[in-house]
Each structure stands twice: as C-alpha cells, then as structure tokens.
C-alpha cells in the first residue's frame, strides 16, 4: 500500500464568490449572512487572542467542542445571549450588545 502525502486543496475565496454570485439568489442569501459572519469572526478573533482551542473554550463553558464549533459557524446557529455571555467569559471578554440607528 503506497503512502500519499497530504496536499491541501488551494482555495481562492474571491474566485469562489465571483462564480457563486452568478447563481440566482446567491447575493441575497450571502448578504443575509453578513451579521452572522461578523459575529463568527469576532468569536474566532477573541478565542485566538485568548490563545484557546475550541476544546478549552468548551471546557470553560461546560459544553462540548462540537457546540463551540457550531457557535463559531456563521449561519448555522442562532445563539442566545446567555450562550454568548458564557463564550465571552470563557475567552476573557465582556459581551456588549447595542442597537445602532440606521443611516
């Protein structure tokens, strides 16, 4: 049995978006996930800044690694404020929620 070296597949996100934008309904769906994507980005950034793995955060929150993974996945989960507070505390942050007037 021959061994194969791992070769990651290169992903060009901008090219992907360009192709996907040509599909009907894509842009509306993509735009609809902007807030979720921004939240997921903030969660990932806070966890990285804290130097923690998903397993570490899960342990601090008293939950599973898969639950933390779902929480950090944009559009797949709508977390409660209680869950977001627990995550924030686990990564050494304070949760702030605010309403911003539309321009």
Protein backbone atom coordinates (compact mmCIF):
# COMPACT_ATOMS: atom_id res chain seq x y z
CA UNK A 1 0.00 0.00 0.00
CA UNK A 2 1.58 3.27 -1.12
CA UNK A 3 1.53 6.24 1.22
CA UNK A 4 0.25 9.53 -0.12
CA UNK A 5 1.49 12.86 1.12
CA UNK A 6 -1.15 15.28 2.28
CA UNK A 7 -1.65 18.03 -0.26
CA UNK A 8 -4.12 20.72 0.81
CA UNK A 9 -6.50 22.00 -1.83
CA UNK A 10 -5.88 25.65 -2.60
CA UNK A 11 -8.98 27.79 -2.15
CA UNK A 12 -9.38 31.15 -3.85
CA UNK A 13 -12.27 32.69 -1.94
CA UNK A 14 -12.62 35.68 -4.27
CA UNK A 15 -12.86 33.41 -7.32
CA UNK A 16 -15.42 31.28 -5.49
CA UNK A 17 -17.54 34.36 -4.70
CA UNK A 18 -17.30 35.55 -8.29
CA UNK A 19 -18.60 32.22 -9.61
CA UNK A 20 -21.25 31.91 -6.91
CA UNK A 21 -22.54 35.47 -7.48
CA UNK A 22 -23.76 34.37 -10.91
CA UNK A 23 -26.23 31.93 -9.34
CA UNK A 24 -29.79 33.18 -8.79
CA UNK A 25 -30.49 34.13 -5.19
CA UNK A 26 -26.87 33.87 -4.08
CA UNK A 27 -26.27 37.56 -3.40
CA UNK A 28 -29.40 37.96 -1.28
CA UNK A 29 -28.53 34.85 0.75
CA UNK A 30 -24.90 35.95 1.12
CA UNK A 31 -25.88 39.46 2.22
CA UNK A 32 -28.35 37.97 4.70
CA UNK A 33 -25.50 36.21 6.49
CA UNK A 34 -23.36 39.32 6.94
CA UNK A 35 -24.25 39.83 10.62
CA UNK A 36 -23.75 36.15 11.45
CA UNK A 37 -20.41 36.14 9.63
CA UNK A 38 -19.29 39.26 11.52
CA UNK A 39 -20.24 37.64 14.84
CA UNK A 40 -18.44 34.40 13.95
CA UNK A 41 -15.35 36.43 13.01
CA UNK A 42 -15.43 38.23 16.36
CA UNK A 43 -15.77 34.93 18.24
CA UNK A 44 -12.83 33.39 16.39
CA UNK A 45 -10.71 36.51 16.90
CA UNK A 46 -11.46 36.59 20.64
CA UNK A 47 -10.62 32.89 21.03
CA UNK A 48 -7.35 33.31 19.12
CA UNK A 49 -6.44 36.37 21.19
CA UNK A 50 -7.05 34.29 24.34
CA UNK A 51 -4.85 31.52 22.92
CA UNK A 52 -7.53 28.88 23.45
CA UNK A 53 -8.69 25.90 21.42
CA UNK A 54 -12.36 25.07 20.94
CA UNK A 55 -11.86 22.25 23.46
CA UNK A 56 -10.56 24.72 26.06
CA UNK A 57 -13.49 27.08 25.49
CA UNK A 58 -15.94 24.17 25.68
CA UNK A 59 -14.46 23.06 29.00
CA UNK A 60 -14.70 26.58 30.44
CA UNK A 61 -18.31 26.88 29.21
CA UNK A 62 -19.30 23.43 30.45
CA UNK A 63 -20.29 22.27 26.98
CA UNK A 64 -18.91 20.19 24.11
CA UNK A 65 -16.35 21.06 21.49
CA UNK A 66 -18.96 20.45 18.79
CA UNK A 67 -21.27 23.01 20.44
CA UNK A 68 -18.45 25.60 20.34
CA UNK A 69 -17.80 24.69 16.71
CA UNK A 70 -21.48 25.28 15.85
CA UNK A 71 -21.40 28.58 17.72
CA UNK A 72 -18.40 29.72 15.66
CA UNK A 73 -20.01 28.69 12.35
CA UNK A 74 -21.83 31.58 10.69
CA UNK A 75 -25.44 30.97 9.80
CA UNK A 76 -25.72 27.52 11.32
CA UNK A 77 -26.77 28.52 14.82
CA UNK A 78 -28.58 31.40 16.50
CA UNK A 79 -27.07 31.54 19.98
CA UNK A 80 -28.87 33.00 22.97
CA UNK A 81 -27.46 35.98 24.85
CA UNK A 82 -26.74 33.63 27.76
CA UNK A 83 -24.60 31.42 25.50
CA UNK A 84 -22.78 34.44 24.06
CA UNK A 85 -22.09 35.72 27.59
CA UNK A 86 -20.68 32.32 28.62
CA UNK A 87 -18.47 32.26 25.49
CA UNK A 88 -17.28 35.83 26.14
CA UNK A 89 -16.40 34.98 29.72
CA UNK A 90 -14.57 31.81 28.63
CA UNK A 91 -12.32 33.82 26.27
CA UNK A 92 -11.76 36.66 28.73
CA UNK A 93 -14.16 39.15 27.17
CA UNK A 94 -17.29 41.06 28.11
CA UNK A 95 -20.33 40.80 25.85
CA UNK A 96 -21.76 44.10 24.63
CA UNK A 97 -24.98 44.27 22.62
CA UNK A 98 -26.08 47.58 21.17
CA UNK A 99 -28.64 48.93 18.74
CA UNK A 100 -27.28 51.30 16.15
CA UNK A 101 -29.62 53.68 14.28
CA UNK A 102 -29.84 53.04 10.54
CA UNK A 103 -28.38 55.75 8.40
